[in-house]
Amino acid sequence: MALTYRRKRLAPRHFDRALSQIRRLPVFAGSHRKQQANEVGVLGEVVLEEFFQDHHLNYQDARTCTTHDYVMESGTTVDVKTKERTVRPKSDYDNSIPLYNHTHQRPDFFYFVSLMRTPDRTTKGVRRFVEAHILGGIAWDQVETLGTRWQAGEVDPANGTQFWTDCLNIRMADLLENQVMIDRLHQGTGS
């Protein structure tokens, strides 16, 4: 159960790396959040890359394909899912995988990152975030088994969230702890 997520204070190096990548990205057709989606996604990837480096996890950037973001030295594939939040993650929170690309996106693991934004609504762009939380991961087959499917427009009665797209929600408690993920990514162990 991923209750011991890693918190990382965001610094200029994170913003600079993210901005250099965001400038080169198009806004993808069908993107609900447009440029903000790129900001959130890329900043989450930058944070996870640094986490990989901190734990001597070698990887190849594979973000030019749409099936996964990284191939680890072990051969294991990872896709990063990043969510914007206004508070630190809690054990009863969910992590989402949109279904619009789920039929072809089949990494060995999904890795979840949350970005906490500043309460100051005047700060825009990637610099609106103050912390990143590296939450943990889950194997693709476990997503299918443990995920709760939601349709666009439905409301989760547990927290009042109205879903803007079809998605699978994974409970925080169902994520593998970061240390378990580190070990599996080093070893190339699937679920």
C-alpha atoms as a PDB file:
ATOM      1  CA  MET A   1       0.000   0.000   0.000  1.00  0.00           C
ATOM      2  CA  ALA A   2       1.510   3.328  -1.042  1.00  0.00           C
ATOM      3  CA  LEU A   3       1.227   5.343   2.120  1.00  0.00           C
ATOM      4  CA  THR A   4       4.862   6.410   2.181  1.00  0.00           C
ATOM      5  CA  TYR A   5       5.041   8.525  -0.929  1.00  0.00           C
ATOM      6  CA  ARG A   6       8.103  10.679  -1.561  1.00  0.00           C
ATOM      7  CA  ARG A   7       7.698  14.425  -1.333  1.00  0.00           C
ATOM      8  CA  LYS A   8       9.938  16.659  -3.398  1.00  0.00           C
ATOM      9  CA  ARG A   9      10.027  20.429  -3.100  1.00  0.00           C
ATOM     10  CA  LEU A  10      10.042  21.856  -6.614  1.00  0.00           C
ATOM     11  CA  ALA A  11      12.979  24.056  -7.572  1.00  0.00           C
ATOM     12  CA  PRO A  12      13.984  26.212 -10.546  1.00  0.00           C
ATOM     13  CA  ARG A  13      15.833  23.234 -12.109  1.00  0.00           C
ATOM     14  CA  HIS A  14      12.544  21.323 -12.365  1.00  0.00           C
ATOM     15  CA  PHE A  15      10.726  24.260 -13.931  1.00  0.00           C
ATOM     16  CA  ASP A  16      13.569  24.999 -16.374  1.00  0.00           C
ATOM     17  CA  ARG A  17      13.773  21.393 -17.581  1.00  0.00           C
ATOM     18  CA  ALA A  18       9.999  21.155 -17.922  1.00  0.00           C
ATOM     19  CA  LEU A  19       9.690  24.458 -19.780  1.00  0.00           C
ATOM     20  CA  SER A  20      12.377  23.516 -22.291  1.00  0.00           C
ATOM     21  CA  GLN A  21      10.371  20.366 -23.135  1.00  0.00           C
ATOM     22  CA  ILE A  22       6.920  21.978 -23.037  1.00  0.00           C
ATOM     23  CA  ARG A  23       7.939  24.605 -25.603  1.00  0.00           C
ATOM     24  CA  ARG A  24       8.566  21.824 -28.131  1.00  0.00           C
ATOM     25  CA  LEU A  25       5.272  20.006 -27.560  1.00  0.00           C
ATOM     26  CA  PRO A  26       2.111  20.521 -29.545  1.00  0.00           C
ATOM     27  CA  VAL A  27      -1.223  20.759 -27.785  1.00  0.00           C
ATOM     28  CA  PHE A  28      -2.721  17.406 -28.668  1.00  0.00           C
ATOM     29  CA  ALA A  29      -6.066  17.162 -30.433  1.00  0.00           C
ATOM     30  CA  GLY A  30      -8.784  16.207 -27.983  1.00  0.00           C
ATOM     31  CA  SER A  31      -6.817  17.456 -24.993  1.00  0.00           C
ATOM     32  CA  HIS A  32      -9.261  18.549 -22.313  1.00  0.00           C
ATOM     33  CA  ARG A  33      -6.807  20.882 -20.561  1.00  0.00           C
ATOM     34  CA  LYS A  34      -4.771  21.969 -23.610  1.00  0.00           C
ATOM     35  CA  GLN A  35      -1.438  23.582 -22.606  1.00  0.00           C
ATOM     36  CA  GLN A  36      -2.078  22.913 -18.909  1.00  0.00           C
ATOM     37  CA  ALA A  37      -2.121  19.175 -19.671  1.00  0.00           C
ATOM     38  CA  ASN A  38       1.371  19.460 -21.141  1.00  0.00           C
ATOM     39  CA  GLU A  39       2.582  21.454 -18.122  1.00  0.00           C
ATOM     40  CA  VAL A  40       1.276  18.933 -15.607  1.00  0.00           C
ATOM     41  CA  GLY A  41       2.396  15.880 -17.558  1.00  0.00           C
ATOM     42  CA  VAL A  42       5.895  17.082 -18.390  1.00  0.00           C
ATOM     43  CA  LEU A  43       6.616  18.410 -14.899  1.00  0.00           C
ATOM     44  CA  GLY A  44       5.546  15.058 -13.447  1.00  0.00           C
ATOM     45  CA  GLU A  45       7.884  13.282 -15.861  1.00  0.00           C
ATOM     46  CA  VAL A  46      10.789  15.594 -14.974  1.00  0.00           C
ATOM     47  CA  VAL A  47      10.285  14.861 -11.272  1.00  0.00           C
ATOM     48  CA  LEU A  48      10.080  11.099 -11.849  1.00  0.00           C
ATOM     49  CA  GLU A  49      13.223  11.157 -14.021  1.00  0.00           C
ATOM     50  CA  GLU A  50      15.113  12.802 -11.161  1.00  0.00           C
ATOM     51  CA  PHE A  51      13.699  10.180  -8.780  1.00  0.00           C
ATOM     52  CA  PHE A  52      14.937   7.434 -11.133  1.00  0.00           C
ATOM     53  CA  GLN A  53      18.400   9.021 -11.221  1.00  0.00           C
ATOM     54  CA  ASP A  54      18.465   9.389  -7.420  1.00  0.00           C
ATOM     55  CA  HIS A  55      17.873   5.615  -7.180  1.00  0.00           C
ATOM     56  CA  HIS A  56      20.335   4.617  -9.923  1.00  0.00           C
ATOM     57  CA  LEU A  57      17.549   3.506 -12.251  1.00  0.00           C
ATOM     58  CA  ASN A  58      18.774   3.836 -15.819  1.00  0.00           C
ATOM     59  CA  TYR A  59      16.093   4.471 -18.401  1.00  0.00           C
ATOM     60  CA  GLN A  60      15.561   5.347 -22.032  1.00  0.00           C
ATOM     61  CA  ASP A  61      13.166   8.152 -22.875  1.00  0.00           C
ATOM     62  CA  ALA A  62      10.441   6.656 -25.061  1.00  0.00           C
ATOM     63  CA  ARG A  63       7.945   9.519 -24.968  1.00  0.00           C
ATOM     64  CA  THR A  64       7.875   9.779 -28.745  1.00  0.00           C
ATOM     65  CA  CYS A  65       5.636   6.714 -28.764  1.00  0.00           C
ATOM     66  CA  THR A  66       2.217   6.663 -27.143  1.00  0.00           C
ATOM     67  CA  THR A  67       2.377   3.226 -25.523  1.00  0.00           C
ATOM     68  CA  HIS A  68       4.690   4.217 -22.636  1.00  0.00           C
ATOM     69  CA  ASP A  69       7.063   6.980 -21.479  1.00  0.00           C
ATOM     70  CA  TYR A  70      10.202   5.090 -20.424  1.00  0.00           C
ATOM     71  CA  VAL A  71      12.022   1.826 -20.962  1.00  0.00           C
ATOM     72  CA  MET A  72      14.084   0.917 -17.934  1.00  0.00           C
ATOM     73  CA  GLU A  73      17.504  -0.716 -18.279  1.00  0.00           C
ATOM     74  CA  SER A  74      15.805  -3.954 -17.177  1.00  0.00           C
ATOM     75  CA  GLY A  75      13.453  -3.716 -20.194  1.00  0.00           C
ATOM     76  CA  THR A  76      10.427  -2.837 -18.074  1.00  0.00           C
ATOM     77  CA  THR A  77       8.182  -0.128 -19.548  1.00  0.00           C
ATOM     78  CA  VAL A  78       6.701   2.687 -17.450  1.00  0.00           C
ATOM     79  CA  ASP A  79       4.081   5.316 -18.160  1.00  0.00           C
ATOM     80  CA  VAL A  80       3.730   8.337 -15.868  1.00  0.00           C
ATOM     81  CA  LYS A  81       0.331   9.661 -14.810  1.00  0.00           C
ATOM     82  CA  THR A  82       0.366  13.042 -13.111  1.00  0.00           C
ATOM     83  CA  LYS A  83      -2.483  14.739 -11.283  1.00  0.00           C
ATOM     84  CA  GLU A  84      -2.750  18.329 -10.116  1.00  0.00           C
ATOM     85  CA  ARG A  85      -3.937  18.763  -6.527  1.00  0.00           C
ATOM     86  CA  THR A  86      -4.490  21.599  -4.075  1.00  0.00           C
ATOM     87  CA  VAL A  87      -3.549  19.501  -1.027  1.00  0.00           C
ATOM     88  CA  ARG A  88      -1.076  16.742  -0.254  1.00  0.00           C
ATOM     89  CA  PRO A  89      -2.279  13.273  -1.243  1.00  0.00           C
ATOM     90  CA  LYS A  90      -4.118  11.238   1.366  1.00  0.00           C
ATOM     91  CA  SER A  91      -4.458   7.494   1.745  1.00  0.00           C
ATOM     92  CA  ASP A  92      -8.089   7.498   0.602  1.00  0.00           C
ATOM     93  CA  TYR A  93      -7.405   9.420  -2.631  1.00  0.00           C
ATOM     94  CA  ASP A  94      -7.585   7.934  -6.109  1.00  0.00           C
ATOM     95  CA  ASN A  95      -5.229   8.062  -9.068  1.00  0.00           C
ATOM     96  CA  SER A  96      -6.677   8.192 -12.570  1.00  0.00           C
ATOM     97  CA  ILE A  97      -5.887   6.652 -15.918  1.00  0.00           C
ATOM     98  CA  PRO A  98      -7.936   8.189 -18.740  1.00  0.00           C
ATOM     99  CA  LEU A  99      -9.445   5.542 -21.004  1.00  0.00           C
ATOM    100  CA  TYR A 100      -9.097   7.495 -24.263  1.00  0.00           C
ATOM    101  CA  ASN A 101      -5.688   5.928 -24.842  1.00  0.00           C
ATOM    102  CA  HIS A 102      -5.931   2.881 -22.600  1.00  0.00           C
ATOM    103  CA  THR A 103      -6.611   0.415 -25.404  1.00  0.00           C
ATOM    104  CA  HIS A 104      -3.132   0.897 -26.866  1.00  0.00           C
ATOM    105  CA  GLN A 105      -1.209   2.170 -23.838  1.00  0.00           C
ATOM    106  CA  ARG A 106       0.058  -0.985 -22.159  1.00  0.00           C
ATOM    107  CA  PRO A 107       3.196  -0.334 -20.126  1.00  0.00           C
ATOM    108  CA  ASP A 108       4.381  -2.884 -17.612  1.00  0.00           C
ATOM    109  CA  PHE A 109       3.760  -0.272 -14.897  1.00  0.00           C
ATOM    110  CA  PHE A 110       1.971   3.016 -14.421  1.00  0.00           C
ATOM    111  CA  TYR A 111       3.774   5.354 -12.004  1.00  0.00           C
ATOM    112  CA  PHE A 112       1.750   8.101 -10.311  1.00  0.00           C
ATOM    113  CA  VAL A 113       2.895  11.607  -9.410  1.00  0.00           C
ATOM    114  CA  SER A 114       0.822  14.379  -7.827  1.00  0.00           C
ATOM    115  CA  LEU A 115       1.700  18.041  -8.144  1.00  0.00           C
ATOM    116  CA  MET A 116       0.510  20.385  -5.420  1.00  0.00           C
ATOM    117  CA  ARG A 117      -0.126  23.895  -6.618  1.00  0.00           C
ATOM    118  CA  THR A 118       0.199  27.090  -4.677  1.00  0.00           C
ATOM    119  CA  PRO A 119      -3.014  28.542  -3.247  1.00  0.00           C
ATOM    120  CA  ASP A 120      -2.067  31.773  -5.047  1.00  0.00           C
ATOM    121  CA  ARG A 121      -4.248  31.605  -8.162  1.00  0.00           C
ATOM    122  CA  THR A 122      -2.306  34.429  -9.868  1.00  0.00           C
ATOM    123  CA  THR A 123       0.758  32.218 -10.457  1.00  0.00           C
ATOM    124  CA  LYS A 124       0.431  30.587 -13.883  1.00  0.00           C
ATOM    125  CA  GLY A 125       2.292  27.898 -15.794  1.00  0.00           C
ATOM    126  CA  VAL A 126       4.532  25.252 -14.235  1.00  0.00           C
ATOM    127  CA  ARG A 127       5.670  27.634 -11.517  1.00  0.00           C
ATOM    128  CA  ARG A 128       2.220  27.396  -9.900  1.00  0.00           C
ATOM    129  CA  PHE A 129       3.360  24.103  -8.350  1.00  0.00           C
ATOM    130  CA  VAL A 130       5.279  23.972  -5.078  1.00  0.00           C
ATOM    131  CA  GLU A 131       5.646  20.247  -4.374  1.00  0.00           C
ATOM    132  CA  ALA A 132       5.634  16.950  -6.174  1.00  0.00           C
ATOM    133  CA  HIS A 133       4.588  13.688  -4.566  1.00  0.00           C
ATOM    134  CA  ILE A 134       5.910  10.469  -6.052  1.00  0.00           C
ATOM    135  CA  LEU A 135       3.145   8.122  -5.013  1.00  0.00           C
ATOM    136  CA  GLY A 136       3.954   4.634  -6.250  1.00  0.00           C
ATOM    137  CA  GLY A 137       3.055   2.381  -9.125  1.00  0.00           C
ATOM    138  CA  ILE A 138       0.882  -0.440 -10.303  1.00  0.00           C
ATOM    139  CA  ALA A 139       1.241  -3.147 -12.933  1.00  0.00           C
ATOM    140  CA  TRP A 140      -0.952  -2.879 -16.011  1.00  0.00           C
ATOM    141  CA  ASP A 141      -2.816  -6.119 -15.274  1.00  0.00           C
ATOM    142  CA  GLN A 142      -3.555  -4.929 -11.730  1.00  0.00           C
ATOM    143  CA  VAL A 143      -5.118  -1.763 -13.133  1.00  0.00           C
ATOM    144  CA  GLU A 144      -7.582  -3.924 -15.017  1.00  0.00           C
ATOM    145  CA  THR A 145      -8.343  -5.975 -11.901  1.00  0.00           C
ATOM    146  CA  LEU A 146      -8.407  -3.279  -9.206  1.00  0.00           C
ATOM    147  CA  GLY A 147      -9.447  -0.149 -11.097  1.00  0.00           C
ATOM    148  CA  THR A 148     -12.910   1.377 -10.837  1.00  0.00           C
ATOM    149  CA  ARG A 149     -14.348   2.458 -14.192  1.00  0.00           C
ATOM    150  CA  TRP A 150     -16.063   5.818 -14.438  1.00  0.00           C
ATOM    151  CA  GLN A 151     -17.880   7.321 -17.402  1.00  0.00           C
ATOM    152  CA  ALA A 152     -17.602  10.963 -18.401  1.00  0.00           C
ATOM    153  CA  GLY A 153     -20.215  12.958 -16.499  1.00  0.00           C
ATOM    154  CA  GLU A 154     -20.569  10.477 -13.634  1.00  0.00           C
ATOM    155  CA  VAL A 155     -19.990  11.710 -10.092  1.00  0.00           C
ATOM    156  CA  ASP A 156     -18.056   9.737  -7.486  1.00  0.00           C
ATOM    157  CA  PRO A 157     -20.333   9.852  -4.418  1.00  0.00           C
ATOM    158  CA  ALA A 158     -17.334   9.348  -2.098  1.00  0.00           C
ATOM    159  CA  ASN A 159     -15.763  12.720  -2.947  1.00  0.00           C
ATOM    160  CA  GLY A 160     -18.048  14.582  -5.360  1.00  0.00           C
ATOM    161  CA  THR A 161     -15.626  14.403  -8.309  1.00  0.00           C
ATOM    162  CA  GLN A 162     -17.360  14.701 -11.659  1.00  0.00           C
ATOM    163  CA  PHE A 163     -15.374  12.922 -14.352  1.00  0.00           C
ATOM    164  CA  TRP A 164     -14.626  14.859 -17.538  1.00  0.00           C
ATOM    165  CA  THR A 165     -13.616  11.699 -19.419  1.00  0.00           C
ATOM    166  CA  ASP A 166     -13.978   7.956 -19.067  1.00  0.00           C
ATOM    167  CA  CYS A 167     -11.278   6.685 -16.728  1.00  0.00           C
ATOM    168  CA  LEU A 168     -10.054   3.974 -14.416  1.00  0.00           C
ATOM    169  CA  ASN A 169      -9.439   5.067 -10.833  1.00  0.00           C
ATOM    170  CA  ILE A 170      -6.869   3.283  -8.726  1.00  0.00           C
ATOM    171  CA  ARG A 171      -6.996   3.641  -4.960  1.00  0.00           C
ATOM    172  CA  MET A 172      -3.849   4.948  -3.302  1.00  0.00           C
ATOM    173  CA  ALA A 173      -3.906   1.828  -1.131  1.00  0.00           C
ATOM    174  CA  ASP A 174      -3.554  -0.360  -4.236  1.00  0.00           C
ATOM    175  CA  LEU A 175      -0.300   1.234  -5.388  1.00  0.00           C
ATOM    176  CA  LEU A 176       3.033  -0.459  -4.804  1.00  0.00           C
ATOM    177  CA  GLU A 177       5.287   1.478  -2.438  1.00  0.00           C
ATOM    178  CA  ASN A 178       8.168   3.375  -4.007  1.00  0.00           C
ATOM    179  CA  GLN A 179      10.796   0.991  -2.602  1.00  0.00           C
ATOM    180  CA  VAL A 180       8.963  -1.987  -4.087  1.00  0.00           C
ATOM    181  CA  MET A 181       8.760  -0.141  -7.419  1.00  0.00           C
ATOM    182  CA  ILE A 182      12.479   0.688  -7.297  1.00  0.00           C
ATOM    183  CA  ASP A 183      13.292  -2.980  -6.716  1.00  0.00           C
ATOM    184  CA  ARG A 184      10.997  -4.161  -9.504  1.00  0.00           C
ATOM    185  CA  LEU A 185      12.322  -1.607 -11.975  1.00  0.00           C
ATOM    186  CA  HIS A 186      15.899  -2.630 -11.183  1.00  0.00           C
ATOM    187  CA  GLN A 187      15.074  -6.332 -11.550  1.00  0.00           C
ATOM    188  CA  GLY A 188      12.648  -6.097 -14.432  1.00  0.00           C
ATOM    189  CA  THR A 189       9.950  -7.818 -12.423  1.00  0.00           C
ATOM    190  CA  GLY A 190       6.376  -7.353 -13.626  1.00  0.00           C
ATOM    191  CA  SER A 191       3.307  -7.621 -11.430  1.00  0.00           C
END
